[in-house]
Amino acid sequence: MIKTNNRKTAHYSEFIVIDGEKLFINSRKKQGVYLEILEGIVRQLDIALSIHKRLLVCRFDFHLNHHAKNNKIISNFINRTKQWLNRSYGIDNIGYVWVREHEQSKQLHYHLAIFLDGDKIRYPAKLLIKLKEMWKPHGHMPTIENPYYFIDKHNQVKVRGEAIYRISYLAKIRAKGYRDPQVKDYQTSRLKPR
């Protein structure tokens, strides 16, 4: 592990140990991840699992049609999404992680993973349509193949591992850092364990 100049720790391995557990992640020797983002993802996912008997994990990409100097767009979008989920499904404890990415030759975009009560929403078809509609004024939301995981007590070990591997992509080093120093590369929810 190497401490970078942006105060995050770079990790270059296909495995990582978090809280004594060895996890398989989407990282390579030449294409690493930031440890702090990865730990935030795993901790919020595990807290969401402790709150809900069943968990729906969904991953989305959001491309902007203009540059943004700060992250107000994604913060406001998440707040609106949480309000809609509460009104439509009665979901209160919503976990999430978003990352901001901008490579010099590509548009600014965000990746988002959300962790929802699987007893209240089991399949994200309506959610995908609504988020696409809500994001449209800002840009476009591409369709992602197999964007969700449903975790319950019968498949928790296997599917949790698959979900962690998939969303560990959000912690990748590449495309982060092209921003003003005071602007964040990522943010997680602040779910508290029960």
Protein backbone atom coordinates (compact mmCIF):
# COMPACT_ATOMS: atom_id res chain seq x y z
CA MET A 1 0.00 0.00 0.00
CA ILE A 2 1.21 3.46 -0.92
CA LYS A 3 0.02 6.77 0.54
CA THR A 4 -0.74 9.18 -2.33
CA ASN A 5 -0.47 12.94 -2.43
CA ASN A 6 -4.26 13.29 -2.10
CA ARG A 7 -4.23 11.66 1.36
CA LYS A 8 -5.73 8.40 0.14
CA THR A 9 -4.00 5.02 0.24
CA ALA A 10 -3.43 3.18 -3.04
CA HIS A 11 -3.82 -0.61 -2.95
CA TYR A 12 -2.63 -2.89 -5.80
CA SER A 13 -3.88 -6.44 -5.29
CA GLU A 14 -6.85 -8.63 -6.20
CA PHE A 15 -7.49 -9.19 -2.49
CA ILE A 16 -7.80 -6.95 0.53
CA VAL A 17 -8.36 -7.62 4.22
CA ILE A 18 -10.99 -5.44 5.90
CA ASP A 19 -11.88 -6.09 9.54
CA GLY A 20 -10.05 -9.43 9.38
CA GLU A 21 -11.95 -10.65 6.30
CA LYS A 22 -10.15 -11.36 3.02
CA LEU A 23 -12.18 -9.95 0.11
CA PHE A 24 -11.75 -10.45 -3.63
CA ILE A 25 -11.85 -7.02 -5.34
CA ASN A 26 -11.70 -5.55 -8.82
CA SER A 27 -8.06 -4.45 -8.64
CA ARG A 28 -4.79 -5.43 -10.31
CA LYS A 29 -1.09 -4.83 -9.78
CA LYS A 30 -1.12 -2.01 -12.34
CA GLN A 31 -4.64 -0.74 -11.77
CA GLY A 32 -5.26 -0.15 -8.08
CA VAL A 33 -8.00 1.09 -5.83
CA TYR A 34 -8.17 3.61 -3.01
CA LEU A 35 -8.39 1.84 0.32
CA GLU A 36 -10.49 4.54 2.02
CA ILE A 37 -13.22 4.38 -0.64
CA LEU A 38 -13.24 0.58 -0.55
CA GLU A 39 -13.50 0.47 3.25
CA GLY A 40 -16.40 2.94 3.12
CA ILE A 41 -18.20 0.77 0.57
CA VAL A 42 -17.80 -2.43 2.58
CA ARG A 43 -18.72 -0.84 5.91
CA GLN A 44 -21.87 0.84 4.60
CA LEU A 45 -22.92 -2.35 2.79
CA ASP A 46 -22.43 -4.39 5.97
CA ILE A 47 -24.32 -1.88 8.10
CA ALA A 48 -27.18 -1.95 5.57
CA LEU A 49 -27.16 -5.77 5.85
CA SER A 50 -27.37 -5.48 9.65
CA ILE A 51 -30.40 -3.17 9.34
CA HIS A 52 -32.32 -5.09 6.65
CA LYS A 53 -33.04 -8.84 6.51
CA ARG A 54 -32.85 -8.64 2.72
CA LEU A 55 -30.85 -6.12 0.74
CA LEU A 56 -31.09 -4.84 -2.82
CA VAL A 57 -27.76 -3.45 -4.07
CA CYS A 58 -27.98 -1.39 -7.28
CA ARG A 59 -25.22 0.24 -9.30
CA PHE A 60 -25.69 3.20 -11.66
CA ASP A 61 -23.63 5.53 -13.87
CA PHE A 62 -24.54 9.18 -14.43
CA HIS A 63 -22.89 11.26 -17.17
CA LEU A 64 -23.08 15.04 -17.10
CA ASN A 65 -23.71 17.12 -20.21
CA HIS A 66 -21.65 19.97 -18.69
CA HIS A 67 -18.74 20.38 -16.28
CA ALA A 68 -19.45 20.85 -12.57
CA LYS A 69 -16.93 22.48 -10.25
CA ASN A 70 -18.49 20.86 -7.18
CA ASN A 71 -20.73 17.90 -6.31
CA LYS A 72 -24.00 19.73 -5.61
CA ILE A 73 -25.65 17.99 -8.56
CA ILE A 74 -25.07 14.47 -7.22
CA SER A 75 -25.79 15.49 -3.61
CA ASN A 76 -29.13 17.06 -4.58
CA PHE A 77 -29.90 14.08 -6.81
CA ILE A 78 -29.32 11.62 -3.97
CA ASN A 79 -31.51 13.68 -1.63
CA ARG A 80 -34.32 13.72 -4.20
CA THR A 81 -33.87 9.96 -4.76
CA LYS A 82 -34.08 9.28 -1.01
CA GLN A 83 -37.26 11.38 -0.76
CA TRP A 84 -38.82 9.51 -3.69
CA LEU A 85 -37.86 6.11 -2.22
CA ASN A 86 -39.38 7.10 1.10
CA ARG A 87 -42.64 8.31 -0.49
CA SER A 88 -42.93 5.42 -2.96
CA TYR A 89 -41.70 2.48 -0.85
CA GLY A 90 -41.48 3.72 2.74
CA ILE A 91 -37.72 3.13 2.79
CA ASP A 92 -35.85 5.15 5.43
CA ASN A 93 -32.38 3.65 5.90
CA ILE A 94 -30.77 4.06 2.51
CA GLY A 95 -27.07 3.31 2.16
CA TYR A 96 -25.03 4.59 -0.75
CA VAL A 97 -21.63 5.44 -2.10
CA TRP A 98 -20.88 7.72 -5.03
CA VAL A 99 -17.62 8.55 -6.75
CA ARG A 100 -16.73 11.42 -9.05
CA GLU A 101 -14.60 10.57 -12.08
CA HIS A 102 -13.18 12.75 -14.79
CA GLU A 103 -10.44 11.76 -17.17
CA GLN A 104 -8.88 14.43 -19.33
CA SER A 105 -10.35 13.01 -22.54
CA LYS A 106 -13.78 12.10 -21.14
CA GLN A 107 -16.78 13.80 -19.60
CA LEU A 108 -17.25 14.17 -15.88
CA HIS A 109 -19.40 11.34 -14.57
CA TYR A 110 -20.50 9.72 -11.33
CA HIS A 111 -20.84 6.09 -10.30
CA LEU A 112 -23.40 5.31 -7.61
CA ALA A 113 -24.22 2.20 -5.61
CA ILE A 114 -27.25 2.18 -3.31
CA PHE A 115 -28.26 -0.31 -0.64
CA LEU A 116 -32.03 -0.67 -0.15
CA ASP A 117 -34.44 -2.64 2.03
CA GLY A 118 -35.05 -5.80 0.00
CA ASP A 119 -38.38 -6.45 1.74
CA LYS A 120 -39.76 -3.23 0.25
CA ILE A 121 -38.18 -3.32 -3.20
CA ARG A 122 -37.03 -6.56 -4.79
CA TYR A 123 -36.53 -5.63 -8.41
CA PRO A 124 -35.29 -2.22 -9.61
CA ALA A 125 -37.24 -1.78 -12.88
CA LYS A 126 -39.34 1.14 -11.58
CA LEU A 127 -36.28 2.59 -9.82
CA LEU A 128 -34.20 2.53 -13.03
CA ILE A 129 -36.92 4.35 -14.97
CA LYS A 130 -37.37 6.98 -12.25
CA LEU A 131 -33.65 7.68 -11.81
CA LYS A 132 -33.16 7.98 -15.57
CA GLU A 133 -36.03 10.48 -15.70
CA MET A 134 -34.69 12.46 -12.72
CA TRP A 135 -31.15 12.63 -14.16
CA LYS A 136 -32.19 13.64 -17.69
CA PRO A 137 -31.86 17.44 -17.11
CA HIS A 138 -28.20 16.91 -16.16
CA GLY A 139 -27.11 14.40 -18.81
CA HIS A 140 -27.71 10.73 -19.43
CA MET A 141 -27.78 7.52 -17.44
CA PRO A 142 -26.51 4.62 -19.53
CA THR A 143 -28.00 1.17 -19.09
CA ILE A 144 -25.70 -1.14 -17.15
CA GLU A 145 -25.86 -4.88 -17.67
CA ASN A 146 -26.97 -6.76 -14.53
CA PRO A 147 -26.94 -3.67 -12.29
CA TYR A 148 -28.31 -5.22 -9.11
CA TYR A 149 -27.78 -7.90 -6.45
CA PHE A 150 -30.38 -9.29 -4.05
CA ILE A 151 -28.83 -10.47 -0.79
CA ASP A 152 -30.64 -12.54 1.84
CA LYS A 153 -29.69 -15.08 4.52
CA HIS A 154 -29.68 -17.95 1.98
CA ASN A 155 -27.11 -16.42 -0.38
CA GLN A 156 -25.39 -13.79 1.76
CA VAL A 157 -21.82 -15.10 1.58
CA LYS A 158 -21.82 -15.67 -2.19
CA VAL A 159 -23.86 -12.66 -3.37
CA ARG A 160 -22.31 -10.22 -0.88
CA GLY A 161 -18.89 -11.21 -2.26
CA GLU A 162 -20.11 -10.71 -5.84
CA ALA A 163 -21.58 -7.30 -4.97
CA ILE A 164 -18.38 -6.18 -3.22
CA TYR A 165 -16.30 -7.26 -6.21
CA ARG A 166 -18.61 -5.38 -8.61
CA ILE A 167 -18.82 -2.14 -6.66
CA SER A 168 -15.14 -2.17 -5.71
CA TYR A 169 -14.76 -0.77 -9.24
CA LEU A 170 -15.95 2.54 -7.80
CA ALA A 171 -12.77 2.71 -5.68
CA LYS A 172 -10.42 2.53 -8.69
CA ILE A 173 -7.62 5.09 -8.76
CA ARG A 174 -7.90 5.93 -12.44
CA ALA A 175 -10.01 9.01 -13.28
CA LYS A 176 -10.00 10.47 -9.79
CA GLY A 177 -8.27 13.68 -8.79
CA TYR A 178 -9.19 15.90 -11.76
CA ARG A 179 -10.95 18.41 -9.52
CA ASP A 180 -10.33 21.36 -7.24
CA PRO A 181 -8.57 20.27 -4.03
CA GLN A 182 -11.60 21.06 -1.83
CA VAL A 183 -14.00 18.98 -3.98
CA LYS A 184 -14.51 15.37 -2.87
CA ASP A 185 -13.85 12.32 -5.06
CA TYR A 186 -16.41 10.25 -3.17
CA GLN A 187 -18.95 10.16 -0.39
CA THR A 188 -20.77 7.41 1.49
CA SER A 189 -23.96 7.40 3.47
CA ARG A 190 -23.68 7.54 7.23
CA LEU A 191 -25.77 4.55 8.23
CA LYS A 192 -25.28 3.55 11.86
CA PRO A 193 -25.31 -0.09 12.97
CA ARG A 194 -28.23 -1.29 15.06
